[in-house]
Structures are given as structure tokens and as C-alpha cells.
């Protein structure tokens, strides 16, 4: 919590002397007089260090010297709340509210207590009183209420009070930052960007704001803006490891793989044992078709974390691309043993078994793939192709007919069905699915029907395609 403190004095020589004098008093077991503001400084010194027991002791000594001080009692309530001694804090605050019925700080702490107890309605009632009673530093008080809601992840209510704080003081940097943060959390990215930019207008040297802005731009695939934001963060702090990592990820997403590799290597200077960095480096090399380096970094990831299934899977993909199916099989098996719920691992295993002519194993792997994820059309098409390669045309067709029930609209499945049905001399159904596919996407017919000579030789099929060609002819 951030109730108003005399922060400007914290680093002064005078304050350091006060703390030193207080500690000396304790060590010598004697009593020395301090005024209320001195006790405030000393209490905040311990609060900042999360030494709440020591902070509470300061409050008790302060009350022994200033028994009627509202300031000290408020500070004691703050410490009790920080210690989560809510009932004791409430007892003290209910006494204070009788004396200080117009003090917004009392209501702020009462609202905080009820918020921590889960009594949202009572908390809101007290928070609304804070808003009514706050005259000086109203934006700070409203910000404190917003911070209460941020603490429990209630970003909508946080935004409600933070916007009021913003209206009171549009140049409160902390309010602007927290508004941007909250809008990000509720996926209102345009608002988040707006407030980060307002914040950066006031504090252009905030590397964390630039970093957060980069994350949002990346999410929207505005990669150039994201990279520029990360570059600003790194210009402010070139040791900002998160910015190096996220910039690398963004460059990779933008298919600028060589630049991404440079940033990942920079990141490794800060975290030499990062499995994720090694994985992403491997993926960049994979995209660049540099299979040797890709495999090298997948192996490094495996060395760092032998239980990382993605590393085993990635190595398997490299070996499959090199048509070294026996080695790829070993890698995919390991991935599946670590995580047997990932459909991508199972489909890779199925295809590898198929390439090695292990029919039963491939069949089981294809079935497991669809059991885990039946809404991926590529899985169905691969399964159908597997049957077709084993000259099981009926099972090929049945597989795609099942897929048709899952995907009411999918031209790839429907073109393939039309081709297989024509090959199996089932022209009535072939007509139905060819018409369906042409309606869904006429422009894919050349590509998807190129291997189906039986269908292409049908007069009715040629006529149907020509009729659709006339309908789809550009004006």
C-alpha cells in the first residue's frame, strides 16, 4: 500500500540521522523524544524494508510519546493491515472514524480492510466515501483505491477509480501507467496503447512502459511498432533481458530469423541456461533450413532440460526433414512419453511410423491423434492419405466422410472426397462433394485435384468446373 509519506526526505542526511538516533536509543535501552514527523519517517523506513514488526514497535513507542496523535494511529493501522492483522486494524480504525469522520485516509483503510476480508459491498461503500471526502491529492487517494482492486485482479473496478483519478490529474504518471496496465489485462489494447503513450509523453525514459507497449503491438502483429518499442527499452537499458527476448520473438514472428538469432544470442548473455531460448534459436535455424544448427540447439535444449518434450519433438522434425526416419522415431517416442496429450507429437509419430511401413503402430498413432484433437482438418487428411497409400480406398473415403461431419465447410476435405469417390466409381457422391468444394473455394480446384486423374477424366466434372469458372470470372 502507498499511503502518503514524506518520501522526499527518505534519502536526506537529516532522515538518516533520525533513523540512526532511533536505533542507538534502542540499543542503549533508553527513551529519547522524537516528534511525530520523525516517527513517521522511521516507521516508513521499516515498512519499505518489509520489517513490519519493527515498524509496529516504532508506532507503539510513538504513541507512548504522542498518545493523541491521529497521524501515528493511522500509521499503526497501516502497519497492522500490512501484517494482515485485519481485525486489530479495524478496531483501531472504527475508533478513529468516530474522531475523524471526515478523514478520507480512515475510510481508505477501512475499505482496504473489508476488501481483504472479501466484503466487496462494504469496501465499495467506504471507497465511495473516500472519493466524496478527498479534496487535496484526490488523484492519489483514487489511485490507492484502484491499487486495491489491482492487487486482487479486479481490473474493471480498478479502471473505474483510476479513470476518475486521471480526470482529476491527467499528468499523474502512476495513474497513467496503471490504467495502461489494467486495460492490457482486460484486452482493451487500443486503450492500453493510448495510456502507455500518454505516460511516455511524461516519462519517455521508462523502459518498462516501452516493453509493455511492445508486447501489445506484438499481440496485434504490428511487428515494426513492437520492435521499435523494444529498441527504445533497450536504448534506455541495454541489459533489459526481457526486451532482448521479446524482440527476438517478435523478429521471429515477422520471419526475420537471422535478426532474431542475434537477439536470442544477446539474451543468452543474461541467461545461459535458458531452455526456451535454445528452442527458439533452433526453430529459427529450422525455418532457415539450416538443419545442422537447428539439431545442435535442440540437443542443447535437451541437455538443459531432458524433460522438455518440445525439444525432443523439434529434433524429431529435423530428422524427419532429413528423411532419417529411424532417428526421428526415437525423438518423437521420447516426446510422447513426456507428454502423451499433445496431438502434434502423435501426428508426427503416426507419419513416421507410416514412412517406416509400420502399419499397426501408425494406425494406432493416427487414431490417438484424432482422439486428442478431432477439429484439425490436416489430421483427418493425413489419416485418409495413410489409408490411401495402403490401397484401402473404402477406409480412405469413410475417414473423410467422418471428417465431413466435423467440418461442414472445408474445401480441402471436399475436393479430396470428390477425387477418391470418382476413383471408387461413386460418381453420384463425387458430384455432390465436387459441387460443394467449388462453392466453398473455386480457386483451389487446380491444386487439390491435380492427382485425381479419374475425376479429371469425367465429362461431368469438367463441365461443372467450367460452369463455375464462368461464374467466378473477374468482371
Protein backbone atom coordinates (compact mmCIF):
# COMPACT_ATOMS: atom_id res chain seq x y z
CA UNK A 1 0.00 0.00 0.00
CA UNK A 2 1.15 3.51 -0.74
CA UNK A 3 -0.48 5.98 1.69
CA UNK A 4 1.10 9.40 1.53
CA UNK A 5 4.55 9.51 3.06
CA UNK A 6 7.25 12.15 3.30
CA UNK A 7 9.24 10.25 0.67
CA UNK A 8 11.27 13.25 -0.37
CA UNK A 9 13.02 13.15 2.97
CA UNK A 10 13.89 9.45 2.90
CA UNK A 11 17.32 9.86 1.42
CA UNK A 12 18.25 13.07 3.20
CA UNK A 13 21.11 13.20 5.65
CA UNK A 14 18.69 14.54 8.24
CA UNK A 15 16.45 11.48 7.92
CA UNK A 16 19.41 9.09 8.00
CA UNK A 17 20.43 10.77 11.22
CA UNK A 18 16.97 10.34 12.71
CA UNK A 19 16.95 6.60 11.99
CA UNK A 20 20.47 6.27 13.37
CA UNK A 21 19.47 8.12 16.53
CA UNK A 22 16.41 5.88 16.94
CA UNK A 23 18.44 2.68 16.56
CA UNK A 24 21.02 3.95 19.03
CA UNK A 25 18.23 4.65 21.52
CA UNK A 26 17.01 1.05 21.23
CA UNK A 27 20.48 -0.41 21.57
CA UNK A 28 21.11 1.63 24.71
CA UNK A 29 17.66 0.72 26.11
CA UNK A 30 16.67 4.26 26.90
CA UNK A 31 13.87 6.61 25.84
CA UNK A 32 14.51 9.70 23.72
CA UNK A 33 11.95 12.15 22.43
CA UNK A 34 11.06 12.28 18.71
CA UNK A 35 8.38 14.42 17.13
CA UNK A 36 5.52 12.88 15.12
CA UNK A 37 7.10 13.50 11.71
CA UNK A 38 10.30 11.79 12.89
CA UNK A 39 8.32 8.73 13.94
CA UNK A 40 6.61 8.75 10.53
CA UNK A 41 9.99 8.69 8.79
CA UNK A 42 11.27 5.86 10.98
CA UNK A 43 8.11 3.79 10.52
CA UNK A 44 8.26 4.19 6.75
CA UNK A 45 11.91 3.18 6.80
CA UNK A 46 10.92 -0.20 8.24
CA UNK A 47 7.81 -0.53 6.05
CA UNK A 48 9.96 -0.07 2.95
CA UNK A 49 12.14 -2.92 4.16
CA UNK A 50 9.04 -5.08 4.89
CA UNK A 51 10.13 -5.12 8.56
CA UNK A 52 6.61 -4.72 9.88
CA UNK A 53 7.35 -5.94 13.42
CA UNK A 54 9.94 -3.19 13.77
CA UNK A 55 7.53 -0.69 12.20
CA UNK A 56 4.84 -1.64 14.72
CA UNK A 57 7.32 -1.19 17.57
CA UNK A 58 8.02 2.35 16.32
CA UNK A 59 4.28 3.09 16.37
CA UNK A 60 3.94 1.84 19.95
CA UNK A 61 6.84 4.00 21.13
CA UNK A 62 5.40 6.95 19.19
CA UNK A 63 2.01 6.50 20.87
CA UNK A 64 3.66 6.43 24.26
CA UNK A 65 5.06 9.89 23.48
CA UNK A 66 2.14 11.22 21.41
CA UNK A 67 -0.94 9.32 22.68
CA UNK A 68 -3.44 11.60 20.92
CA UNK A 69 -1.73 11.74 17.53
CA UNK A 70 -4.12 10.77 14.72
CA UNK A 71 -1.15 10.57 12.34
CA UNK A 72 0.58 7.92 14.46
CA UNK A 73 -2.63 5.94 14.90
CA UNK A 74 -3.20 5.97 11.14
CA UNK A 75 0.36 4.78 10.63
CA UNK A 76 -0.20 1.98 13.13
CA UNK A 77 -3.37 0.92 11.25
CA UNK A 78 -1.35 0.87 8.03
CA UNK A 79 1.24 -1.42 9.61
CA UNK A 80 -1.44 -3.74 11.00
CA UNK A 81 -3.01 -4.04 7.55
CA UNK A 82 0.41 -4.78 6.05
CA UNK A 83 0.76 -7.57 8.64
CA UNK A 84 -2.76 -8.79 7.65
CA UNK A 85 -3.91 -8.23 11.25
CA UNK A 86 -7.20 -7.02 9.83
CA UNK A 87 -9.38 -7.33 12.94
CA UNK A 88 -6.93 -5.31 15.04
CA UNK A 89 -6.70 -2.71 12.28
CA UNK A 90 -10.50 -2.49 12.11
CA UNK A 91 -10.79 -1.96 15.87
CA UNK A 92 -8.36 0.93 15.66
CA UNK A 93 -9.97 2.42 12.55
CA UNK A 94 -13.52 2.23 13.94
CA UNK A 95 -12.26 4.22 16.92
CA UNK A 96 -10.61 6.72 14.58
CA UNK A 97 -13.69 7.17 12.43
CA UNK A 98 -15.56 8.44 15.48
CA UNK A 99 -12.93 11.14 15.93
CA UNK A 100 -12.04 11.77 12.26
CA UNK A 101 -15.36 11.30 10.50
CA UNK A 102 -14.24 13.42 7.54
CA UNK A 103 -10.77 11.96 7.11
CA UNK A 104 -10.57 10.14 3.75
CA UNK A 105 -7.48 8.17 4.84
CA UNK A 106 -9.51 6.46 7.56
CA UNK A 107 -12.14 5.38 5.03
CA UNK A 108 -9.47 4.29 2.59
CA UNK A 109 -8.02 1.94 5.20
CA UNK A 110 -11.47 0.74 6.24
CA UNK A 111 -12.24 -0.03 2.61
CA UNK A 112 -8.94 -1.85 2.27
CA UNK A 113 -9.69 -3.99 5.34
CA UNK A 114 -13.12 -5.02 4.07
CA UNK A 115 -11.69 -5.63 0.62
CA UNK A 116 -9.12 -8.01 2.12
CA UNK A 117 -11.92 -9.74 4.06
CA UNK A 118 -13.86 -10.27 0.82
CA UNK A 119 -16.68 -7.90 1.76
CA UNK A 120 -16.79 -6.08 -1.58
CA UNK A 121 -20.01 -4.15 -0.97
CA UNK A 122 -18.83 -2.65 2.33
CA UNK A 123 -15.42 -1.92 0.80
CA UNK A 124 -17.03 -0.06 -2.10
CA UNK A 125 -19.17 1.96 0.33
CA UNK A 126 -16.04 3.14 2.13
CA UNK A 127 -14.16 3.76 -1.12
CA UNK A 128 -17.02 5.96 -2.37
CA UNK A 129 -16.73 8.00 0.85
CA UNK A 130 -13.03 8.48 0.11
CA UNK A 131 -13.95 9.97 -3.25
CA UNK A 132 -16.50 12.34 -1.68
CA UNK A 133 -14.23 13.49 1.14
CA UNK A 134 -10.96 13.84 -0.80
CA UNK A 135 -10.09 17.42 -1.61
CA UNK A 136 -6.31 17.52 -1.53
CA UNK A 137 -4.42 14.92 -3.55
CA UNK A 138 -7.69 13.42 -4.71
CA UNK A 139 -5.97 11.67 -7.61
CA UNK A 140 -3.61 9.92 -5.19
CA UNK A 141 -6.48 8.73 -3.00
CA UNK A 142 -8.42 7.44 -6.01
CA UNK A 143 -5.27 5.78 -7.25
CA UNK A 144 -4.93 3.98 -3.91
CA UNK A 145 -8.44 2.59 -4.36
CA UNK A 146 -7.54 1.45 -7.87
CA UNK A 147 -4.41 -0.18 -6.48
CA UNK A 148 -6.57 -2.14 -4.04
CA UNK A 149 -8.51 -3.62 -6.93
CA UNK A 150 -5.36 -4.30 -8.95
CA UNK A 151 -3.97 -6.24 -6.00
CA UNK A 152 -6.85 -8.75 -6.20
CA UNK A 153 -7.02 -8.83 -10.01
CA UNK A 154 -10.30 -6.88 -10.27
CA UNK A 155 -9.16 -4.76 -13.18
CA UNK A 156 -12.59 -3.44 -14.20
CA UNK A 157 -13.20 -1.80 -10.82
CA UNK A 158 -9.59 -0.62 -10.79
CA UNK A 159 -10.17 1.11 -14.14
CA UNK A 160 -13.34 2.77 -12.78
CA UNK A 161 -11.42 4.56 -10.00
CA UNK A 162 -8.24 5.11 -11.98
CA UNK A 163 -10.18 6.94 -14.70
CA UNK A 164 -11.57 9.25 -12.02
CA UNK A 165 -8.03 9.82 -10.77
CA UNK A 166 -6.98 10.60 -14.34
CA UNK A 167 -9.82 13.11 -14.70
CA UNK A 168 -8.63 14.83 -11.53
CA UNK A 169 -4.99 14.89 -12.63
CA UNK A 170 -4.22 13.91 -16.24
CA UNK A 171 -0.48 14.15 -15.53
CA UNK A 172 -0.26 11.68 -12.66
CA UNK A 173 2.30 9.28 -14.13
CA UNK A 174 1.48 6.38 -11.81
CA UNK A 175 -2.22 6.61 -12.66
CA UNK A 176 -1.45 6.63 -16.39
CA UNK A 177 0.82 3.61 -16.08
CA UNK A 178 -1.68 1.61 -14.03
CA UNK A 179 -4.51 2.48 -16.41
CA UNK A 180 -2.46 1.22 -19.33
CA UNK A 181 -1.64 -1.93 -17.36
CA UNK A 182 -5.30 -2.57 -16.43
CA UNK A 183 -6.60 -2.01 -19.96
CA UNK A 184 -3.97 -4.51 -21.14
CA UNK A 185 -5.26 -7.04 -18.60
CA UNK A 186 -8.86 -6.72 -19.86
CA UNK A 187 -7.71 -6.96 -23.51
CA UNK A 188 -8.68 -3.40 -24.41
CA UNK A 189 -5.48 -2.93 -26.32
CA UNK A 190 -6.27 0.38 -28.02
CA UNK A 191 -6.95 1.98 -24.63
CA UNK A 192 -3.84 0.40 -23.20
CA UNK A 193 -1.70 1.78 -26.03
CA UNK A 194 -3.32 5.20 -25.59
CA UNK A 195 -2.41 5.40 -21.90
CA UNK A 196 1.08 3.98 -22.32
CA UNK A 197 1.70 6.71 -24.89
CA UNK A 198 0.30 9.36 -22.54
CA UNK A 199 2.60 8.03 -19.84
CA UNK A 200 5.60 8.03 -22.18
CA UNK A 201 4.88 11.63 -23.14
CA UNK A 202 5.60 12.46 -19.49
CA UNK A 203 8.32 9.87 -18.87
CA UNK A 204 9.94 8.82 -22.16
CA UNK A 205 12.73 7.02 -20.28
CA UNK A 206 10.52 4.31 -18.78
CA UNK A 207 11.91 1.08 -20.20
CA UNK A 208 9.07 -0.97 -18.66
CA UNK A 209 6.43 1.14 -20.44
CA UNK A 210 8.17 0.71 -23.79
CA UNK A 211 8.49 -3.01 -23.06
CA UNK A 212 4.79 -3.40 -22.26
CA UNK A 213 3.88 -1.41 -25.35
CA UNK A 214 5.99 -3.81 -27.41
CA UNK A 215 4.06 -6.78 -26.02
CA UNK A 216 0.72 -5.28 -27.08
CA UNK A 217 1.96 -4.39 -30.57
CA UNK A 218 3.29 -7.93 -30.98
CA UNK A 219 -0.08 -9.33 -29.95
CA UNK A 220 -1.64 -7.29 -32.77
CA UNK A 221 1.05 -8.43 -35.19
CA UNK A 222 2.21 -4.83 -35.60
CA UNK A 223 5.74 -6.13 -35.61
CA UNK A 224 7.57 -3.00 -36.75
CA UNK A 225 6.00 -0.93 -33.97
CA UNK A 226 6.73 -3.67 -31.45
CA UNK A 227 10.39 -3.88 -32.45
CA UNK A 228 10.69 -0.09 -32.26
CA UNK A 229 9.22 -0.18 -28.73
CA UNK A 230 11.69 -2.86 -27.62
CA UNK A 231 14.52 -0.86 -29.19
CA UNK A 232 13.55 2.17 -27.07
CA UNK A 233 13.53 -0.03 -23.95
CA UNK A 234 16.99 -1.35 -24.84
CA UNK A 235 18.31 2.12 -25.61
CA UNK A 236 17.37 3.07 -22.05
CA UNK A 237 18.70 -0.17 -20.54
CA UNK A 238 20.76 -2.41 -22.79
CA UNK A 239 20.78 -5.07 -20.06
CA UNK A 240 16.99 -5.44 -20.12
CA UNK A 241 16.98 -9.17 -20.81
CA UNK A 242 13.20 -9.42 -21.24
CA UNK A 243 13.32 -6.83 -24.01
CA UNK A 244 16.05 -8.78 -25.84
CA UNK A 245 13.99 -11.96 -25.56
CA UNK A 246 10.71 -10.40 -26.67
CA UNK A 247 12.37 -8.52 -29.50
CA UNK A 248 13.81 -11.83 -30.69
CA UNK A 249 10.37 -13.47 -30.50
CA UNK A 250 8.83 -10.61 -32.47
CA UNK A 251 11.51 -10.74 -35.15
CA UNK A 252 10.93 -14.48 -35.44
CA UNK A 253 7.17 -13.95 -35.75
CA UNK A 254 7.92 -11.43 -38.52
CA UNK A 255 10.03 -14.12 -40.25
CA UNK A 256 13.20 -12.08 -39.76
CA UNK A 257 15.02 -15.11 -38.47
CA UNK A 258 18.63 -14.01 -38.84
CA UNK A 259 17.95 -10.83 -36.86
CA UNK A 260 16.07 -12.86 -34.27
CA UNK A 261 19.09 -15.11 -33.81
CA UNK A 262 21.27 -12.11 -32.93
CA UNK A 263 18.80 -11.04 -30.23
CA UNK A 264 18.47 -14.54 -28.80
CA UNK A 265 22.25 -14.72 -28.52
CA UNK A 266 22.22 -11.38 -26.66
CA UNK A 267 19.61 -12.79 -24.30
CA UNK A 268 21.79 -15.83 -23.61
CA UNK A 269 24.41 -13.47 -22.19
CA UNK A 270 21.97 -12.92 -19.31
CA UNK A 271 20.50 -16.42 -19.04
CA UNK A 272 22.93 -19.01 -20.35
CA UNK A 273 20.73 -21.91 -19.19
CA UNK A 274 17.52 -20.84 -20.89
CA UNK A 275 15.87 -23.86 -22.48
CA UNK A 276 13.30 -21.63 -24.21
CA UNK A 277 15.99 -19.53 -25.87
CA UNK A 278 17.72 -22.64 -27.20
CA UNK A 279 14.38 -23.94 -28.51
CA UNK A 280 13.58 -20.69 -30.30
CA UNK A 281 17.08 -20.47 -31.75
CA UNK A 282 16.63 -24.00 -33.08
CA UNK A 283 13.29 -23.03 -34.63
CA UNK A 284 14.87 -20.04 -36.37
CA UNK A 285 17.53 -22.29 -37.88
CA UNK A 286 14.81 -24.76 -38.85
CA UNK A 287 12.96 -22.01 -40.73
CA UNK A 288 16.24 -21.06 -42.43
CA UNK A 289 16.63 -24.74 -43.43
CA UNK A 290 19.92 -24.88 -41.55
CA UNK A 291 19.17 -28.32 -40.16
CA UNK A 292 22.57 -28.95 -38.59
CA UNK A 293 22.40 -25.85 -36.41
CA UNK A 294 18.74 -26.50 -35.65
CA UNK A 295 19.54 -30.00 -34.42
CA UNK A 296 22.51 -28.68 -32.42
CA UNK A 297 20.34 -26.24 -30.49
CA UNK A 298 17.52 -28.74 -29.96
CA UNK A 299 20.15 -31.03 -28.43
CA UNK A 300 21.38 -28.17 -26.23
CA UNK A 301 17.80 -27.63 -25.05
CA UNK A 302 17.53 -31.35 -24.26
CA UNK A 303 20.78 -31.20 -22.26
CA UNK A 304 19.43 -28.25 -20.26
CA UNK A 305 16.08 -29.94 -19.65
CA UNK A 306 15.73 -33.61 -20.65
CA UNK A 307 12.02 -33.45 -19.81
CA UNK A 308 11.26 -30.73 -22.34
CA UNK A 309 9.03 -32.52 -24.84
CA UNK A 310 9.20 -29.69 -27.40
CA UNK A 311 12.97 -30.10 -27.68
CA UNK A 312 12.66 -33.83 -28.43
CA UNK A 313 9.85 -33.12 -30.89
CA UNK A 314 11.86 -30.40 -32.66
CA UNK A 315 14.84 -32.72 -33.05
CA UNK A 316 12.48 -35.32 -34.48
CA UNK A 317 11.16 -32.83 -37.03
CA UNK A 318 14.70 -32.08 -38.17
CA UNK A 319 15.47 -35.79 -38.63
CA UNK A 320 12.18 -36.29 -40.48
CA UNK A 321 13.05 -33.44 -42.87
CA UNK A 322 16.39 -35.13 -43.45
CA UNK A 323 14.43 -38.37 -44.11
CA UNK A 324 16.22 -40.09 -41.27
CA UNK A 325 13.02 -41.71 -40.05
CA UNK A 326 14.54 -44.17 -37.60
CA UNK A 327 16.16 -41.37 -35.62
CA UNK A 328 13.10 -39.16 -35.87
CA UNK A 329 11.02 -42.03 -34.50
CA UNK A 330 13.21 -42.21 -31.39
CA UNK A 331 12.84 -38.48 -30.78
CA UNK A 332 9.05 -38.50 -31.28
CA UNK A 333 8.64 -41.50 -28.99
CA UNK A 334 10.51 -39.63 -26.29
CA UNK A 335 8.32 -36.55 -26.75
CA UNK A 336 5.16 -38.64 -26.43
CA UNK A 337 6.47 -40.37 -23.31
CA UNK A 338 7.00 -36.97 -21.69
CA UNK A 339 3.65 -35.55 -22.85
CA UNK A 340 1.16 -38.02 -24.26
CA UNK A 341 -1.62 -35.42 -24.54
CA UNK A 342 -0.09 -33.41 -27.39
CA UNK A 343 -1.71 -34.16 -30.75
CA UNK A 344 1.20 -32.62 -32.69
CA UNK A 345 3.55 -35.21 -31.21
CA UNK A 346 1.17 -38.06 -32.05
CA UNK A 347 0.61 -36.99 -35.67
CA UNK A 348 4.38 -36.74 -36.16
CA UNK A 349 4.75 -40.20 -34.65
CA UNK A 350 1.99 -41.55 -36.90
CA UNK A 351 3.60 -40.15 -40.06
CA UNK A 352 6.99 -41.53 -39.05
CA UNK A 353 5.56 -44.99 -38.41
CA UNK A 354 3.86 -44.77 -41.82
CA UNK A 355 7.14 -43.80 -43.50
CA UNK A 356 8.76 -46.88 -41.90
CA UNK A 357 5.88 -49.10 -43.11
CA UNK A 358 4.82 -49.91 -39.54
CA UNK A 359 1.12 -50.15 -40.31
CA UNK A 360 -0.33 -51.16 -36.91
CA UNK A 361 1.74 -48.62 -35.00
CA UNK A 362 0.86 -45.86 -37.48
CA UNK A 363 -2.84 -46.72 -37.32
CA UNK A 364 -2.85 -46.55 -33.53
CA UNK A 365 -0.99 -43.23 -33.58
CA UNK A 366 -3.41 -41.69 -36.10
CA UNK A 367 -6.36 -42.82 -34.00
CA UNK A 368 -4.79 -41.38 -30.86
CA UNK A 369 -4.20 -38.08 -32.67
CA UNK A 370 -7.88 -37.73 -33.55
CA UNK A 371 -8.91 -38.84 -30.09
CA UNK A 372 -6.93 -35.89 -28.69
CA UNK A 373 -7.91 -33.35 -31.36
CA UNK A 374 -10.53 -34.07 -33.97
CA UNK A 375 -11.05 -30.47 -35.11
CA UNK A 376 -7.84 -30.18 -37.12
CA UNK A 377 -8.59 -30.92 -40.80
CA UNK A 378 -4.94 -31.68 -41.57
CA UNK A 379 -5.05 -34.64 -39.18
CA UNK A 380 -8.04 -36.14 -41.00
CA UNK A 381 -6.43 -35.59 -44.40
CA UNK A 382 -3.20 -37.25 -43.24
CA UNK A 383 -5.12 -40.22 -41.86
CA UNK A 384 -7.04 -40.59 -45.13
CA UNK A 385 -3.81 -40.37 -47.13
CA UNK A 386 -2.33 -43.11 -44.94
CA UNK A 387 -5.18 -45.47 -45.84
CA UNK A 388 -4.94 -44.49 -49.49
CA UNK A 389 -1.24 -45.30 -49.61
CA UNK A 390 -2.12 -48.76 -48.31
CA UNK A 391 -4.70 -49.10 -51.13
CA UNK A 392 -7.65 -49.04 -48.73
CA UNK A 393 -9.91 -46.75 -50.73
CA UNK A 394 -13.07 -47.56 -48.75
CA UNK A 395 -11.39 -46.67 -45.44
CA UNK A 396 -9.96 -43.55 -47.10
CA UNK A 397 -13.45 -42.41 -48.10
CA UNK A 398 -15.01 -43.36 -44.77
CA UNK A 399 -12.38 -41.35 -42.91
CA UNK A 400 -13.15 -38.24 -44.94
CA UNK A 401 -16.91 -38.78 -44.63
CA UNK A 402 -16.41 -38.72 -40.86
CA UNK A 403 -14.37 -35.56 -41.29
CA UNK A 404 -17.22 -34.02 -43.31
CA UNK A 405 -19.47 -34.40 -40.27
CA UNK A 406 -16.93 -32.49 -38.19
CA UNK A 407 -16.24 -29.78 -40.80
CA UNK A 408 -19.38 -28.67 -42.59
CA UNK A 409 -17.28 -26.27 -44.67
CA UNK A 410 -13.80 -27.35 -45.72
CA UNK A 411 -12.83 -27.30 -49.41
CA UNK A 412 -9.69 -29.42 -48.91
CA UNK A 413 -11.68 -32.31 -47.46
CA UNK A 414 -14.46 -31.98 -50.03
CA UNK A 415 -12.16 -31.82 -53.07
CA UNK A 416 -10.29 -34.88 -51.81
CA UNK A 417 -13.56 -36.71 -51.18
CA UNK A 418 -14.73 -35.96 -54.71
CA UNK A 419 -11.48 -37.31 -56.13
CA UNK A 420 -11.46 -40.50 -54.06
CA UNK A 421 -15.15 -41.16 -54.74
CA UNK A 422 -14.65 -40.78 -58.51
CA UNK A 423 -11.73 -43.20 -58.32
CA UNK A 424 -14.02 -45.62 -56.48
CA UNK A 425 -16.68 -45.17 -59.17
CA UNK A 426 -19.13 -43.48 -56.80
CA UNK A 427 -19.99 -40.66 -59.16
CA UNK A 428 -23.23 -39.52 -57.54
CA UNK A 429 -21.49 -38.72 -54.25
CA UNK A 430 -18.45 -37.41 -56.12
CA UNK A 431 -20.68 -34.85 -57.91
CA UNK A 432 -22.14 -33.73 -54.58
CA UNK A 433 -18.78 -33.11 -52.95
CA UNK A 434 -17.17 -31.52 -56.01
CA UNK A 435 -20.04 -29.03 -56.23
CA UNK A 436 -19.73 -28.35 -52.50
CA UNK A 437 -15.97 -27.79 -52.76
CA UNK A 438 -16.28 -25.49 -55.79
CA UNK A 439 -18.82 -23.36 -53.94
CA UNK A 440 -16.55 -23.13 -50.92
CA UNK A 441 -13.40 -22.17 -52.82
CA UNK A 442 -13.30 -22.42 -56.60
CA UNK A 443 -9.67 -21.30 -56.86
CA UNK A 444 -8.27 -24.33 -55.03
CA UNK A 445 -9.54 -26.90 -57.56
CA UNK A 446 -6.41 -26.99 -59.74
CA UNK A 447 -4.11 -27.58 -56.80
CA UNK A 448 -6.25 -30.10 -54.91
CA UNK A 449 -7.42 -32.15 -57.89
CA UNK A 450 -4.09 -32.36 -59.71
CA UNK A 451 -3.50 -36.02 -58.73
CA UNK A 452 -7.06 -37.26 -59.31
CA UNK A 453 -6.96 -38.39 -62.93
CA UNK A 454 -10.20 -40.37 -62.58
CA UNK A 455 -12.14 -37.25 -61.62
CA UNK A 456 -10.46 -35.07 -64.23
CA UNK A 457 -11.41 -37.55 -66.93
CA UNK A 458 -15.12 -37.30 -66.08
CA UNK A 459 -17.04 -35.15 -68.57
CA UNK A 460 -19.49 -34.04 -65.89
CA UNK A 461 -16.63 -32.90 -63.67
CA UNK A 462 -15.02 -30.85 -66.47
CA UNK A 463 -18.38 -29.24 -67.27
CA UNK A 464 -19.07 -28.46 -63.60
CA UNK A 465 -15.66 -26.82 -63.20
CA UNK A 466 -16.12 -24.80 -66.42
CA UNK A 467 -19.56 -23.62 -65.28
CA UNK A 468 -18.07 -22.42 -62.01
CA UNK A 469 -15.20 -20.80 -63.89
CA UNK A 470 -17.71 -18.65 -65.82
CA UNK A 471 -19.44 -17.68 -62.55
CA UNK A 472 -16.13 -16.77 -60.94
CA UNK A 473 -14.71 -14.93 -63.94
CA UNK A 474 -13.45 -11.45 -62.89
CA UNK A 475 -15.53 -8.56 -64.17
